[in-house]
Protein backbone atom coordinates (compact mmCIF):
# COMPACT_ATOMS: atom_id res chain seq x y z
CA MET A 1 -0.03 0.07 0.06
CA LYS A 2 1.34 3.28 -0.94
CA VAL A 3 0.81 6.54 1.52
CA THR A 4 1.86 9.93 1.24
CA VAL A 5 3.53 11.54 4.15
CA GLU A 6 4.33 15.22 4.65
CA LEU A 7 7.65 15.89 6.52
CA SER A 8 9.84 18.70 6.78
CA GLU A 9 13.22 18.15 4.97
CA LYS A 10 14.77 18.54 8.68
CA GLU A 11 12.31 15.73 9.97
CA MET A 12 13.05 13.37 6.86
CA ARG A 13 16.99 13.68 7.62
CA GLU A 14 16.23 13.21 11.22
CA VAL A 15 14.31 9.68 9.89
CA CYS A 16 16.70 8.65 7.92
CA ARG A 17 19.53 9.31 10.68
CA ALA A 18 17.42 7.46 13.21
CA THR A 19 17.10 4.32 10.89
CA GLY A 20 20.32 4.30 9.34
CA GLU A 21 18.69 4.40 5.81
CA LYS A 22 20.03 6.51 3.21
CA LYS A 23 16.39 6.53 1.06
CA LYS A 24 13.65 7.93 2.12
CA GLY A 25 10.93 4.95 1.37
CA PRO A 26 13.09 2.59 3.46
CA ALA A 27 13.63 5.14 6.18
CA ILE A 28 9.82 5.66 6.92
CA ARG A 29 8.94 2.02 6.33
CA LYS A 30 11.68 1.19 8.75
CA MET A 31 10.63 3.97 11.31
CA VAL A 32 6.94 2.88 11.08
CA THR A 33 7.68 -0.91 11.61
CA ASP A 34 9.85 -0.05 14.64
CA ALA A 35 7.47 1.92 16.12
CA LEU A 36 4.62 -0.77 15.53
CA ARG A 37 7.42 -3.51 17.33
CA PHE A 38 7.79 -1.28 20.07
CA LYS A 39 4.09 -0.89 20.96
CA ARG A 40 3.45 -4.31 20.99
CA ARG A 41 6.42 -4.70 23.28
CA LYS A 42 4.98 -2.27 25.59
CA GLN A 43 1.47 -3.91 25.50
CA LEU A 44 3.13 -7.05 26.79
CA PHE A 45 5.15 -5.76 29.32
CA LYS A 46 2.06 -3.91 30.29
CA LYS A 47 0.12 -7.42 30.84
CA PHE A 48 2.97 -8.87 32.91
CA VAL A 49 3.52 -5.55 35.35
CA THR A 50 -0.46 -5.48 35.78
CA GLY A 51 -0.38 -9.32 36.15
CA GLU A 52 -2.68 -10.05 33.50
CA TRP A 53 -0.26 -12.58 32.61
CA SER A 54 2.43 -14.18 34.84
CA VAL A 55 5.34 -16.61 34.74
CA ASP A 56 5.61 -19.53 37.40
CA LEU A 57 9.51 -19.61 38.41
CA GLU A 58 9.33 -21.73 41.02
CA PRO A 59 10.94 -24.66 39.24
CA TRP A 60 13.65 -22.33 38.62
CA GLN A 61 14.19 -21.30 42.10
CA VAL A 62 14.45 -24.85 43.17
CA THR A 63 17.07 -25.57 40.87
CA ARG A 64 19.13 -22.35 41.74
CA GLU A 65 18.91 -23.27 45.34
CA ARG A 66 19.93 -27.00 44.68
CA GLU A 67 23.13 -25.39 42.77
CA ARG A 68 24.17 -23.13 45.59
CA GLN A 69 24.04 -26.19 48.11
CA ASN A 70 26.27 -28.02 45.47
CA ALA A 71 28.57 -25.25 45.43
CA ARG A 72 28.48 -25.29 49.20
CA LYS A 73 29.14 -28.73 49.21
CA LEU A 74 32.36 -28.18 46.77
CA VAL A 75 34.04 -25.39 48.54
CA GLU A 76 33.64 -27.34 51.80
CA SER A 77 35.14 -30.62 50.19
CA TRP A 78 38.29 -28.44 48.89
CA SER A 79 38.81 -26.63 52.18
CA LYS A 80 39.43 -30.18 53.86
């Protein structure tokens, strides 16, 4: 789909600089897709912060504690 966008030369240079693109079309496309990606990530982040989505880390915590205990035992065996 083609869309007409009006930007000043200064704004267009800024868009090109921000995206790293040299041509106007690819620069605008990258700016829009990056903005959409950022918006989606922000929405997902909000779901975690509000508690709508969550992650159960109990197995990770149990594994981490077991690793710590094993490390303590290893240190104790070295100091003997």
